[in-house]
C-alpha atoms as a PDB file:
ATOM      1  CA  MET A   1    -139.436 -70.428 -17.286  1.00  0.00           C
ATOM      2  CA  THR A   2    -137.650 -67.347 -18.704  1.00  0.00           C
ATOM      3  CA  GLY A   3    -138.012 -65.356 -15.385  1.00  0.00           C
ATOM      4  CA  ILE A   4    -135.531 -67.205 -13.216  1.00  0.00           C
ATOM      5  CA  ARG A   5    -132.750 -67.386 -15.826  1.00  0.00           C
ATOM      6  CA  LEU A   6    -133.379 -63.793 -16.845  1.00  0.00           C
ATOM      7  CA  SER A   7    -133.265 -62.553 -13.253  1.00  0.00           C
ATOM      8  CA  LEU A   8    -129.902 -64.379 -12.708  1.00  0.00           C
ATOM      9  CA  ALA A   9    -128.475 -62.758 -15.860  1.00  0.00           C
ATOM     10  CA  LEU A  10    -129.644 -59.348 -14.882  1.00  0.00           C
ATOM     11  CA  ALA A  11    -128.482 -59.624 -11.238  1.00  0.00           C
ATOM     12  CA  GLY A  12    -124.820 -60.133 -11.831  1.00  0.00           C
ATOM     13  CA  ASP A  13    -123.972 -62.166 -14.854  1.00  0.00           C
ATOM     14  CA  GLY A  14    -123.323 -59.262 -17.181  1.00  0.00           C
ATOM     15  CA  LEU A  15    -126.489 -58.683 -18.973  1.00  0.00           C
ATOM     16  CA  SER A  16    -128.106 -55.170 -18.836  1.00  0.00           C
ATOM     17  CA  LEU A  17    -131.094 -53.658 -20.600  1.00  0.00           C
ATOM     18  CA  PRO A  18    -131.107 -50.125 -22.120  1.00  0.00           C
ATOM     19  CA  SER A  19    -132.919 -47.760 -19.799  1.00  0.00           C
ATOM     20  CA  GLY A  20    -136.382 -46.825 -20.987  1.00  0.00           C
ATOM     21  CA  ALA A  21    -136.028 -48.706 -24.306  1.00  0.00           C
ATOM     22  CA  ARG A  22    -138.801 -50.992 -25.557  1.00  0.00           C
ATOM     23  CA  ILE A  23    -138.313 -54.633 -25.228  1.00  0.00           C
ATOM     24  CA  ALA A  24    -139.658 -57.179 -27.783  1.00  0.00           C
ATOM     25  CA  ILE A  25    -140.689 -60.653 -26.408  1.00  0.00           C
ATOM     26  CA  PHE A  26    -140.867 -63.166 -29.199  1.00  0.00           C
ATOM     27  CA  ALA A  27    -143.201 -66.174 -28.880  1.00  0.00           C
ATOM     28  CA  PRO A  28    -143.739 -66.348 -25.140  1.00  0.00           C
ATOM     29  CA  THR A  29    -146.245 -68.879 -23.709  1.00  0.00           C
ATOM     30  CA  PRO A  30    -148.246 -68.762 -20.596  1.00  0.00           C
ATOM     31  CA  ASP A  31    -145.358 -70.616 -18.850  1.00  0.00           C
ATOM     32  CA  THR A  32    -143.019 -67.606 -19.659  1.00  0.00           C
ATOM     33  CA  ASP A  33    -142.488 -65.487 -16.504  1.00  0.00           C
ATOM     34  CA  LEU A  34    -141.803 -61.841 -17.557  1.00  0.00           C
ATOM     35  CA  THR A  35    -142.083 -60.279 -14.077  1.00  0.00           C
ATOM     36  CA  ALA A  36    -138.444 -59.356 -14.199  1.00  0.00           C
ATOM     37  CA  LEU A  37    -139.189 -56.866 -16.931  1.00  0.00           C
ATOM     38  CA  PRO A  38    -141.053 -53.497 -16.865  1.00  0.00           C
ATOM     39  CA  GLN A  39    -144.544 -54.450 -18.424  1.00  0.00           C
ATOM     40  CA  ASP A  40    -145.111 -50.878 -19.907  1.00  0.00           C
ATOM     41  CA  LEU A  41    -141.866 -51.297 -22.063  1.00  0.00           C
ATOM     42  CA  CYS A  42    -142.634 -54.900 -23.302  1.00  0.00           C
ATOM     43  CA  HIS A  43    -144.108 -55.677 -26.624  1.00  0.00           C
ATOM     44  CA  VAL A  44    -145.281 -59.367 -26.959  1.00  0.00           C
ATOM     45  CA  ILE A  45    -144.866 -60.695 -30.526  1.00  0.00           C
ATOM     46  CA  THR A  46    -146.671 -64.058 -31.134  1.00  0.00           C
ATOM     47  CA  VAL A  47    -148.555 -65.796 -33.903  1.00  0.00           C
ATOM     48  CA  ASN A  48    -150.433 -67.991 -31.475  1.00  0.00           C
ATOM     49  CA  LYS A  49    -153.760 -66.800 -30.674  1.00  0.00           C
ATOM     50  CA  PRO A  50    -154.214 -68.293 -27.129  1.00  0.00           C
ATOM     51  CA  ASP A  51    -150.758 -66.911 -26.154  1.00  0.00           C
ATOM     52  CA  ARG A  52    -151.688 -63.527 -27.557  1.00  0.00           C
ATOM     53  CA  ASP A  53    -154.973 -63.451 -25.651  1.00  0.00           C
ATOM     54  CA  TYR A  54    -153.196 -64.546 -22.411  1.00  0.00           C
ATOM     55  CA  PHE A  55    -150.663 -61.750 -22.390  1.00  0.00           C
ATOM     56  CA  ALA A  56    -153.263 -59.125 -23.667  1.00  0.00           C
ATOM     57  CA  ALA A  57    -155.418 -60.020 -20.636  1.00  0.00           C
ATOM     58  CA  LEU A  58    -152.486 -59.257 -18.435  1.00  0.00           C
ATOM     59  CA  GLY A  59    -152.206 -55.884 -20.018  1.00  0.00           C
ATOM     60  CA  TYR A  60    -149.214 -56.318 -22.380  1.00  0.00           C
ATOM     61  CA  ALA A  61    -149.100 -54.802 -25.776  1.00  0.00           C
ATOM     62  CA  CYS A  62    -149.336 -57.565 -28.336  1.00  0.00           C
ATOM     63  CA  ASN A  63    -148.959 -58.032 -32.090  1.00  0.00           C
ATOM     64  CA  THR A  64    -148.135 -60.670 -34.578  1.00  0.00           C
ATOM     65  CA  ALA A  65    -144.940 -58.850 -36.019  1.00  0.00           C
ATOM     66  CA  PRO A  66    -142.463 -56.241 -34.663  1.00  0.00           C
ATOM     67  CA  GLU A  67    -143.302 -52.624 -34.882  1.00  0.00           C
ATOM     68  CA  GLY A  68    -140.230 -50.364 -35.201  1.00  0.00           C
ATOM     69  CA  ARG A  69    -136.911 -50.741 -33.437  1.00  0.00           C
ATOM     70  CA  TYR A  70    -136.272 -52.173 -29.930  1.00  0.00           C
ATOM     71  CA  GLY A  71    -133.615 -51.599 -27.352  1.00  0.00           C
ATOM     72  CA  ALA A  72    -133.541 -55.229 -26.479  1.00  0.00           C
ATOM     73  CA  SER A  73    -135.315 -58.526 -27.533  1.00  0.00           C
ATOM     74  CA  ILE A  74    -136.018 -61.805 -25.882  1.00  0.00           C
ATOM     75  CA  VAL A  75    -136.672 -64.922 -27.999  1.00  0.00           C
ATOM     76  CA  CYS A  76    -138.579 -67.674 -26.140  1.00  0.00           C
ATOM     77  CA  LEU A  77    -137.476 -70.627 -28.210  1.00  0.00           C
ATOM     78  CA  PRO A  78    -140.243 -72.627 -29.882  1.00  0.00           C
ATOM     79  CA  ARG A  79    -139.870 -76.306 -30.658  1.00  0.00           C
ATOM     80  CA  ALA A  80    -139.698 -76.046 -34.459  1.00  0.00           C
ATOM     81  CA  LYS A  81    -135.978 -75.447 -35.337  1.00  0.00           C
ATOM     82  CA  ASP A  82    -136.739 -73.316 -38.577  1.00  0.00           C
ATOM     83  CA  ARG A  83    -139.173 -71.217 -36.764  1.00  0.00           C
ATOM     84  CA  ALA A  84    -136.692 -70.765 -33.779  1.00  0.00           C
ATOM     85  CA  ARG A  85    -134.007 -69.698 -36.101  1.00  0.00           C
ATOM     86  CA  ALA A  86    -136.287 -67.328 -38.002  1.00  0.00           C
ATOM     87  CA  LEU A  87    -137.384 -65.660 -34.771  1.00  0.00           C
ATOM     88  CA  ILE A  88    -133.747 -65.074 -33.709  1.00  0.00           C
ATOM     89  CA  ALA A  89    -132.992 -63.638 -37.135  1.00  0.00           C
ATOM     90  CA  GLU A  90    -135.998 -61.390 -36.945  1.00  0.00           C
ATOM     91  CA  ALA A  91    -135.080 -60.137 -33.450  1.00  0.00           C
ATOM     92  CA  ALA A  92    -131.617 -59.409 -34.706  1.00  0.00           C
ATOM     93  CA  ASP A  93    -133.023 -57.335 -37.628  1.00  0.00           C
ATOM     94  CA  VAL A  94    -135.132 -54.998 -35.294  1.00  0.00           C
ATOM     95  CA  THR A  95    -132.953 -54.681 -32.120  1.00  0.00           C
ATOM     96  CA  ASP A  96    -130.377 -52.136 -31.408  1.00  0.00           C
ATOM     97  CA  GLY A  97    -129.189 -53.730 -28.068  1.00  0.00           C
ATOM     98  CA  PRO A  98    -128.990 -57.296 -26.775  1.00  0.00           C
ATOM     99  CA  VAL A  99    -130.820 -60.173 -28.369  1.00  0.00           C
ATOM    100  CA  ILE A 100    -131.612 -62.669 -25.584  1.00  0.00           C
ATOM    101  CA  VAL A 101    -132.448 -66.303 -26.390  1.00  0.00           C
ATOM    102  CA  ASP A 102    -134.033 -68.547 -23.814  1.00  0.00           C
ATOM    103  CA  GLY A 103    -135.258 -72.042 -23.957  1.00  0.00           C
ATOM    104  CA  LEU A 104    -135.435 -75.523 -22.512  1.00  0.00           C
ATOM    105  CA  LYS A 105    -132.872 -78.236 -23.345  1.00  0.00           C
ATOM    106  CA  THR A 106    -135.685 -80.316 -24.880  1.00  0.00           C
ATOM    107  CA  ASP A 107    -136.640 -77.539 -27.186  1.00  0.00           C
ATOM    108  CA  GLY A 108    -133.258 -77.114 -28.965  1.00  0.00           C
ATOM    109  CA  ILE A 109    -131.496 -74.425 -26.868  1.00  0.00           C
ATOM    110  CA  GLU A 110    -128.079 -76.154 -27.150  1.00  0.00           C
ATOM    111  CA  SER A 111    -128.476 -76.173 -31.075  1.00  0.00           C
ATOM    112  CA  ALA A 112    -129.503 -72.511 -31.049  1.00  0.00           C
ATOM    113  CA  LEU A 113    -126.566 -71.586 -28.850  1.00  0.00           C
ATOM    114  CA  LYS A 114    -124.090 -73.511 -31.048  1.00  0.00           C
ATOM    115  CA  GLY A 115    -125.453 -71.990 -34.234  1.00  0.00           C
ATOM    116  CA  CYS A 116    -125.289 -68.310 -32.714  1.00  0.00           C
ATOM    117  CA  ARG A 117    -121.751 -68.961 -31.582  1.00  0.00           C
ATOM    118  CA  LYS A 118    -120.699 -69.898 -35.107  1.00  0.00           C
ATOM    119  CA  ARG A 119    -122.167 -66.488 -36.412  1.00  0.00           C
ATOM    120  CA  ALA A 120    -121.490 -64.045 -33.600  1.00  0.00           C
ATOM    121  CA  ASP A 121    -118.402 -63.045 -31.629  1.00  0.00           C
ATOM    122  CA  GLY A 122    -120.255 -61.496 -28.769  1.00  0.00           C
ATOM    123  CA  VAL A 123    -122.254 -64.439 -27.316  1.00  0.00           C
ATOM    124  CA  SER A 124    -122.492 -64.155 -23.620  1.00  0.00           C
ATOM    125  CA  GLY A 125    -123.666 -66.664 -21.004  1.00  0.00           C
ATOM    126  CA  PRO A 126    -125.197 -69.159 -21.044  1.00  0.00           C
ATOM    127  CA  ILE A 127    -127.157 -69.165 -17.778  1.00  0.00           C
ATOM    128  CA  SER A 128    -128.150 -72.707 -17.061  1.00  0.00           C
ATOM    129  CA  LYS A 129    -131.098 -73.195 -14.658  1.00  0.00           C
ATOM    130  CA  ALA A 130    -134.308 -75.186 -14.381  1.00  0.00           C
ATOM    131  CA  HIS A 131    -133.620 -77.577 -17.354  1.00  0.00           C
ATOM    132  CA  GLY A 132    -133.019 -74.677 -19.757  1.00  0.00           C
ATOM    133  CA  LYS A 133    -130.418 -72.017 -20.814  1.00  0.00           C
ATOM    134  CA  LEU A 134    -130.308 -68.373 -21.563  1.00  0.00           C
ATOM    135  CA  PHE A 135    -127.677 -66.464 -23.539  1.00  0.00           C
ATOM    136  CA  TRP A 136    -127.389 -63.179 -25.352  1.00  0.00           C
ATOM    137  CA  MET A 137    -125.650 -61.517 -28.185  1.00  0.00           C
ATOM    138  CA  ASP A 138    -124.731 -57.753 -28.109  1.00  0.00           C
ATOM    139  CA  PRO A 139    -124.551 -56.809 -30.902  1.00  0.00           C
ATOM    140  CA  ALA A 140    -126.333 -59.566 -32.749  1.00  0.00           C
ATOM    141  CA  PRO A 141    -125.115 -60.393 -36.216  1.00  0.00           C
ATOM    142  CA  ALA A 142    -127.190 -60.502 -39.365  1.00  0.00           C
ATOM    143  CA  LEU A 143    -128.652 -63.935 -39.817  1.00  0.00           C
ATOM    144  CA  ASP A 144    -129.807 -63.743 -43.275  1.00  0.00           C
ATOM    145  CA  ASP A 145    -129.651 -67.568 -43.789  1.00  0.00           C
ATOM    146  CA  TRP A 146    -131.917 -68.173 -40.839  1.00  0.00           C
ATOM    147  CA  ARG A 147    -134.866 -65.959 -42.095  1.00  0.00           C
ATOM    148  CA  ILE A 148    -138.065 -67.563 -43.354  1.00  0.00           C
ATOM    149  CA  GLY A 149    -139.023 -66.475 -46.885  1.00  0.00           C
ATOM    150  CA  GLU A 150    -142.373 -66.438 -48.569  1.00  0.00           C
ATOM    151  CA  PRO A 151    -144.691 -69.577 -48.163  1.00  0.00           C
ATOM    152  CA  ALA A 152    -143.395 -72.320 -50.360  1.00  0.00           C
ATOM    153  CA  GLU A 153    -145.161 -74.685 -52.713  1.00  0.00           C
ATOM    154  CA  ILE A 154    -145.343 -78.222 -51.853  1.00  0.00           C
ATOM    155  CA  GLU A 155    -147.255 -81.222 -53.545  1.00  0.00           C
ATOM    156  CA  GLU A 156    -150.501 -80.610 -55.339  1.00  0.00           C
ATOM    157  CA  GLY A 157    -149.976 -76.867 -55.469  1.00  0.00           C
ATOM    158  CA  PHE A 158    -150.441 -76.211 -51.846  1.00  0.00           C
ATOM    159  CA  VAL A 159    -148.199 -73.757 -49.973  1.00  0.00           C
ATOM    160  CA  THR A 160    -146.913 -73.898 -46.385  1.00  0.00           C
ATOM    161  CA  ALA A 161    -144.312 -72.086 -44.281  1.00  0.00           C
ATOM    162  CA  PRO A 162    -141.652 -73.572 -42.054  1.00  0.00           C
ATOM    163  CA  GLY A 163    -142.656 -74.259 -38.431  1.00  0.00           C
ATOM    164  CA  VAL A 164    -146.450 -74.959 -39.231  1.00  0.00           C
ATOM    165  CA  PHE A 165    -147.840 -78.426 -38.764  1.00  0.00           C
ATOM    166  CA  SER A 166    -147.004 -80.708 -41.819  1.00  0.00           C
ATOM    167  CA  ALA A 167    -144.921 -78.003 -43.478  1.00  0.00           C
ATOM    168  CA  ASP A 168    -143.137 -80.451 -45.843  1.00  0.00           C
ATOM    169  CA  GLY A 169    -146.119 -82.197 -47.355  1.00  0.00           C
ATOM    170  CA  ILE A 170    -149.780 -83.257 -46.828  1.00  0.00           C
ATOM    171  CA  ASP A 171    -150.197 -85.079 -43.486  1.00  0.00           C
ATOM    172  CA  PRO A 172    -151.089 -88.628 -44.252  1.00  0.00           C
ATOM    173  CA  ALA A 173    -153.679 -88.842 -41.407  1.00  0.00           C
ATOM    174  CA  SER A 174    -155.417 -85.721 -42.785  1.00  0.00           C
ATOM    175  CA  ARG A 175    -155.346 -87.303 -46.260  1.00  0.00           C
ATOM    176  CA  ALA A 176    -156.972 -90.400 -44.997  1.00  0.00           C
ATOM    177  CA  LEU A 177    -159.682 -88.428 -43.328  1.00  0.00           C
ATOM    178  CA  ALA A 178    -160.310 -86.372 -46.397  1.00  0.00           C
ATOM    179  CA  ASP A 179    -160.294 -89.440 -48.609  1.00  0.00           C
ATOM    180  CA  ASN A 180    -162.931 -91.216 -46.471  1.00  0.00           C
ATOM    181  CA  LEU A 181    -165.304 -88.373 -45.675  1.00  0.00           C
ATOM    182  CA  PRO A 182    -168.893 -88.937 -46.884  1.00  0.00           C
ATOM    183  CA  GLU A 183    -170.438 -86.871 -49.741  1.00  0.00           C
ATOM    184  CA  LYS A 184    -173.005 -85.315 -47.379  1.00  0.00           C
ATOM    185  CA  LEU A 185    -171.498 -83.216 -44.716  1.00  0.00           C
ATOM    186  CA  GLY A 186    -174.413 -80.643 -44.547  1.00  0.00           C
ATOM    187  CA  ALA A 187    -174.529 -76.976 -45.391  1.00  0.00           C
ATOM    188  CA  HIS A 188    -172.414 -75.702 -42.553  1.00  0.00           C
ATOM    189  CA  VAL A 189    -169.025 -77.296 -41.665  1.00  0.00           C
ATOM    190  CA  ILE A 190    -166.310 -76.347 -39.259  1.00  0.00           C
ATOM    191  CA  ASP A 191    -162.605 -77.235 -39.820  1.00  0.00           C
ATOM    192  CA  LEU A 192    -161.366 -77.010 -36.243  1.00  0.00           C
ATOM    193  CA  GLY A 193    -157.620 -76.557 -35.879  1.00  0.00           C
ATOM    194  CA  ALA A 194    -157.490 -76.190 -39.747  1.00  0.00           C
ATOM    195  CA  GLY A 195    -153.701 -75.639 -40.168  1.00  0.00           C
ATOM    196  CA  TRP A 196    -152.806 -74.533 -43.736  1.00  0.00           C
ATOM    197  CA  GLY A 197    -156.134 -75.637 -45.023  1.00  0.00           C
ATOM    198  CA  TYR A 198    -155.949 -79.089 -46.446  1.00  0.00           C
ATOM    199  CA  LEU A 199    -159.126 -80.541 -44.965  1.00  0.00           C
ATOM    200  CA  THR A 200    -161.127 -77.428 -45.739  1.00  0.00           C
ATOM    201  CA  HIS A 201    -159.900 -77.565 -49.379  1.00  0.00           C
ATOM    202  CA  ARG A 202    -160.859 -81.124 -49.699  1.00  0.00           C
ATOM    203  CA  ALA A 203    -164.246 -80.599 -47.966  1.00  0.00           C
ATOM    204  CA  LEU A 204    -165.241 -77.859 -50.404  1.00  0.00           C
ATOM    205  CA  GLU A 205    -165.207 -80.394 -53.262  1.00  0.00           C
ATOM    206  CA  ARG A 206    -168.756 -80.733 -52.062  1.00  0.00           C
ATOM    207  CA  GLU A 207    -171.184 -78.242 -53.721  1.00  0.00           C
ATOM    208  CA  SER A 208    -173.659 -78.759 -50.962  1.00  0.00           C
ATOM    209  CA  ILE A 209    -171.455 -76.814 -48.456  1.00  0.00           C
ATOM    210  CA  ARG A 210    -172.628 -73.321 -48.097  1.00  0.00           C
ATOM    211  CA  LEU A 211    -170.216 -72.226 -45.372  1.00  0.00           C
ATOM    212  CA  ILE A 212    -167.109 -73.706 -43.836  1.00  0.00           C
ATOM    213  CA  ASP A 213    -165.669 -71.913 -40.842  1.00  0.00           C
ATOM    214  CA  VAL A 214    -161.864 -72.356 -40.833  1.00  0.00           C
ATOM    215  CA  VAL A 215    -160.569 -71.928 -37.326  1.00  0.00           C
ATOM    216  CA  GLU A 216    -156.814 -71.858 -36.574  1.00  0.00           C
ATOM    217  CA  ALA A 217    -154.841 -70.429 -33.765  1.00  0.00           C
ATOM    218  CA  ASP A 218    -151.428 -70.115 -35.657  1.00  0.00           C
ATOM    219  CA  HIS A 219    -151.442 -66.891 -37.638  1.00  0.00           C
ATOM    220  CA  THR A 220    -148.738 -68.162 -39.954  1.00  0.00           C
ATOM    221  CA  ALA A 221    -150.629 -71.448 -40.785  1.00  0.00           C
ATOM    222  CA  LEU A 222    -153.748 -69.330 -41.344  1.00  0.00           C
ATOM    223  CA  ALA A 223    -151.886 -67.069 -43.713  1.00  0.00           C
ATOM    224  CA  CYS A 224    -151.039 -70.189 -45.750  1.00  0.00           C
ATOM    225  CA  ALA A 225    -154.666 -71.286 -45.522  1.00  0.00           C
ATOM    226  CA  ARG A 226    -155.658 -67.986 -47.159  1.00  0.00           C
ATOM    227  CA  LEU A 227    -153.577 -69.025 -50.138  1.00  0.00           C
ATOM    228  CA  ASN A 228    -154.689 -72.543 -50.285  1.00  0.00           C
ATOM    229  CA  VAL A 229    -158.408 -71.911 -49.853  1.00  0.00           C
ATOM    230  CA  THR A 230    -159.815 -69.131 -52.044  1.00  0.00           C
ATOM    231  CA  ASP A 231    -163.474 -70.477 -52.173  1.00  0.00           C
ATOM    232  CA  PRO A 232    -165.687 -67.716 -50.967  1.00  0.00           C
ATOM    233  CA  ARG A 233    -167.683 -70.167 -48.885  1.00  0.00           C
ATOM    234  CA  ALA A 234    -164.694 -70.431 -46.537  1.00  0.00           C
ATOM    235  CA  GLN A 235    -164.665 -67.970 -43.633  1.00  0.00           C
ATOM    236  CA  LEU A 236    -161.243 -67.901 -41.991  1.00  0.00           C
ATOM    237  CA  HIS A 237    -160.877 -67.206 -38.239  1.00  0.00           C
ATOM    238  CA  TRP A 238    -157.589 -66.537 -36.334  1.00  0.00           C
ATOM    239  CA  GLU A 239    -159.004 -67.976 -33.011  1.00  0.00           C
ATOM    240  CA  ASP A 240    -158.421 -70.329 -30.216  1.00  0.00           C
ATOM    241  CA  ALA A 241    -160.278 -73.616 -31.241  1.00  0.00           C
ATOM    242  CA  LEU A 242    -161.169 -74.210 -27.631  1.00  0.00           C
ATOM    243  CA  ARG A 243    -162.894 -70.854 -27.082  1.00  0.00           C
ATOM    244  CA  TRP A 244    -164.308 -69.936 -30.467  1.00  0.00           C
ATOM    245  CA  ARG A 245    -168.024 -70.748 -31.112  1.00  0.00           C
ATOM    246  CA  PRO A 246    -170.088 -70.274 -34.259  1.00  0.00           C
ATOM    247  CA  GLU A 247    -173.104 -68.006 -34.375  1.00  0.00           C
ATOM    248  CA  THR A 248    -175.256 -71.011 -35.193  1.00  0.00           C
ATOM    249  CA  GLY A 249    -174.702 -74.800 -34.684  1.00  0.00           C
ATOM    250  CA  ALA A 250    -172.978 -76.691 -37.463  1.00  0.00           C
ATOM    251  CA  ASP A 251    -173.825 -79.788 -39.278  1.00  0.00           C
ATOM    252  CA  THR A 252    -170.321 -81.195 -39.292  1.00  0.00           C
ATOM    253  CA  VAL A 253    -167.073 -80.642 -37.494  1.00  0.00           C
ATOM    254  CA  LEU A 254    -163.803 -81.894 -39.126  1.00  0.00           C
ATOM    255  CA  MET A 255    -160.455 -82.083 -37.231  1.00  0.00           C
ATOM    256  CA  ASN A 256    -157.090 -83.515 -36.898  1.00  0.00           C
ATOM    257  CA  PRO A 257    -156.556 -82.272 -33.345  1.00  0.00           C
ATOM    258  CA  PRO A 258    -153.080 -81.440 -31.982  1.00  0.00           C
ATOM    259  CA  PHE A 259    -151.966 -83.803 -29.222  1.00  0.00           C
ATOM    260  CA  HIS A 260    -148.613 -82.308 -28.022  1.00  0.00           C
ATOM    261  CA  THR A 261    -147.899 -79.683 -25.438  1.00  0.00           C
ATOM    262  CA  ALA A 262    -144.000 -79.008 -25.658  1.00  0.00           C
ATOM    263  CA  ARG A 263    -142.622 -82.378 -26.535  1.00  0.00           C
ATOM    264  CA  LYS A 264    -144.917 -84.426 -24.432  1.00  0.00           C
ATOM    265  CA  ALA A 265    -147.984 -86.264 -25.868  1.00  0.00           C
ATOM    266  CA  ASP A 266    -151.046 -84.770 -24.083  1.00  0.00           C
ATOM    267  CA  PRO A 267    -154.312 -86.514 -24.864  1.00  0.00           C
ATOM    268  CA  ALA A 268    -156.160 -83.832 -22.725  1.00  0.00           C
ATOM    269  CA  LEU A 269    -155.530 -81.451 -25.572  1.00  0.00           C
ATOM    270  CA  GLY A 270    -157.408 -83.757 -28.016  1.00  0.00           C
ATOM    271  CA  ARG A 271    -160.146 -84.359 -25.510  1.00  0.00           C
ATOM    272  CA  ALA A 272    -160.622 -80.573 -25.133  1.00  0.00           C
ATOM    273  CA  PHE A 273    -161.032 -80.285 -28.860  1.00  0.00           C
ATOM    274  CA  ILE A 274    -163.665 -82.949 -28.871  1.00  0.00           C
ATOM    275  CA  ALA A 275    -165.580 -81.224 -26.043  1.00  0.00           C
ATOM    276  CA  ALA A 276    -165.441 -77.933 -28.021  1.00  0.00           C
ATOM    277  CA  ALA A 277    -166.669 -79.673 -31.197  1.00  0.00           C
ATOM    278  CA  ALA A 278    -169.605 -81.041 -29.386  1.00  0.00           C
ATOM    279  CA  GLU A 279    -170.649 -77.655 -28.308  1.00  0.00           C
ATOM    280  CA  MET A 280    -170.437 -76.295 -31.898  1.00  0.00           C
ATOM    281  CA  LEU A 281    -172.665 -78.793 -33.515  1.00  0.00           C
ATOM    282  CA  LYS A 282    -176.526 -78.925 -33.976  1.00  0.00           C
ATOM    283  CA  PRO A 283    -178.260 -81.693 -32.048  1.00  0.00           C
ATOM    284  CA  SER A 284    -178.246 -83.826 -35.162  1.00  0.00           C
ATOM    285  CA  GLY A 285    -174.618 -82.881 -35.939  1.00  0.00           C
ATOM    286  CA  GLN A 286    -171.604 -85.033 -36.559  1.00  0.00           C
ATOM    287  CA  LEU A 287    -167.869 -85.098 -35.851  1.00  0.00           C
ATOM    288  CA  TRP A 288    -165.255 -86.640 -38.078  1.00  0.00           C
ATOM    289  CA  MET A 289    -161.827 -86.795 -36.699  1.00  0.00           C
ATOM    290  CA  VAL A 290    -158.489 -88.504 -37.237  1.00  0.00           C
ATOM    291  CA  ALA A 291    -156.169 -89.509 -34.340  1.00  0.00           C
ATOM    292  CA  ASN A 292    -153.022 -91.539 -33.726  1.00  0.00           C
ATOM    293  CA  ARG A 293    -154.094 -95.138 -32.990  1.00  0.00           C
ATOM    294  CA  HIS A 294    -152.717 -95.056 -29.364  1.00  0.00           C
ATOM    295  CA  LEU A 295    -154.644 -92.054 -28.244  1.00  0.00           C
ATOM    296  CA  PRO A 296    -157.715 -92.949 -25.901  1.00  0.00           C
ATOM    297  CA  TYR A 297    -160.383 -90.730 -27.312  1.00  0.00           C
ATOM    298  CA  GLU A 298    -163.246 -93.220 -27.586  1.00  0.00           C
ATOM    299  CA  GLN A 299    -164.293 -92.880 -23.841  1.00  0.00           C
ATOM    300  CA  THR A 300    -164.489 -89.045 -24.200  1.00  0.00           C
ATOM    301  CA  LEU A 301    -166.446 -89.260 -27.385  1.00  0.00           C
ATOM    302  CA  ALA A 302    -168.837 -91.734 -25.806  1.00  0.00           C
ATOM    303  CA  GLY A 303    -169.460 -89.390 -22.972  1.00  0.00           C
ATOM    304  CA  LEU A 304    -170.469 -86.496 -25.298  1.00  0.00           C
ATOM    305  CA  PHE A 305    -172.111 -88.248 -28.398  1.00  0.00           C
ATOM    306  CA  ALA A 306    -175.001 -90.670 -28.642  1.00  0.00           C
ATOM    307  CA  ASP A 307    -173.321 -92.669 -31.348  1.00  0.00           C
ATOM    308  CA  VAL A 308    -169.628 -93.292 -31.756  1.00  0.00           C
ATOM    309  CA  SER A 309    -167.769 -95.606 -34.270  1.00  0.00           C
ATOM    310  CA  GLU A 310    -164.483 -96.135 -35.929  1.00  0.00           C
ATOM    311  CA  ALA A 311    -164.737 -95.466 -39.667  1.00  0.00           C
ATOM    312  CA  PRO A 312    -162.895 -97.426 -42.408  1.00  0.00           C
ATOM    313  CA  GLY A 313    -159.712 -95.870 -43.782  1.00  0.00           C
ATOM    314  CA  GLY A 314    -157.393 -96.025 -40.781  1.00  0.00           C
ATOM    315  CA  ASP A 315    -154.325 -98.205 -40.445  1.00  0.00           C
ATOM    316  CA  ALA A 316    -151.805 -99.255 -37.739  1.00  0.00           C
ATOM    317  CA  ARG A 317    -150.701 -95.602 -37.316  1.00  0.00           C
ATOM    318  CA  PHE A 318    -153.970 -93.712 -37.016  1.00  0.00           C
ATOM    319  CA  LYS A 319    -157.769 -94.157 -36.789  1.00  0.00           C
ATOM    320  CA  LEU A 320    -160.703 -92.295 -38.218  1.00  0.00           C
ATOM    321  CA  LEU A 321    -163.539 -91.653 -35.667  1.00  0.00           C
ATOM    322  CA  HIS A 322    -167.139 -90.688 -36.409  1.00  0.00           C
ATOM    323  CA  ALA A 323    -169.436 -89.435 -33.674  1.00  0.00           C
ATOM    324  CA  ARG A 324    -173.075 -88.268 -34.078  1.00  0.00           C
ATOM    325  CA  ARG A 325    -175.748 -86.475 -32.161  1.00  0.00           C
ATOM    326  CA  PRO A 326    -173.925 -84.567 -29.412  1.00  0.00           C
ATOM    327  CA  MET A 327    -175.568 -84.929 -25.992  1.00  0.00           C
ATOM    328  CA  ARG A 328    -176.315 -81.688 -24.225  1.00  0.00           C
ATOM    329  CA  LYS A 329    -175.603 -81.379 -20.475  1.00  0.00           C
ATOM    330  CA  LYS A 330    -178.679 -80.896 -18.205  1.00  0.00           C
ATOM    331  CA  ARG A 331    -178.810 -77.590 -16.529  1.00  0.00           C
END
């Protein structure tokens, strides 16, 4: 929803963009409206592969990190507070003109505004509209304490980065799934939505695995996975789990699928992961997944697999699900 608030700020609330200067857009999503900006001057910076693909298809220049200096920057506030602050700090580091911050109230824009006002004298706005706010700093201060450093070590020697899923420790649901996987997973395994690589690492305890495809859309999480999984049998892919497909069908897909879009639980996302997994498997293949107990995935599984069951190892919070023999749609 950046567009409406940005248009109001540019139309008469004191915000102006340097003429002809490049504009960095940090972490936009397909819901972000950039039509108020000259596309040829915009540089989209995102670590999320589906978002990158969306804006690249529209003709925007895209990358995972800034390139050089910018005349202005816009930070589209993500949910994770640490990552949001780090993006604002990164924008301040590479921008000679205004740093604009936009976000929904449910995504922490009030906290970001309060934090910036403590650190900068020149905070303008905010523009309040459509359940969100936009403010800007010109000039922006140095925000050294908001930067994200190198990946940090957590338990059992794994490393993670702020803002990725389960950054503070091993996710209990993923651990339960890993602890209850059978010894035989087949020669070709896929870890779908692999995060920082915990399930991949645990699966590779099996010598029988020849290849495990590690598919993750978050570039930052995948960078952590490269540090956590050094086994040459692992092939890492920065890809959208819903669109990527292996060259040949896999024996097993493992996953702890995401189930949030913004702050709302969205079972449709998990259902899409299940459908994608079914397409990746051999006719004799199997899916092992973990999900929150309340999420209604069994019906989706039953429509896509010949055999579906709940496996031991779950608890009141989450369940382990096992599905075998994907059913191909008739053409």
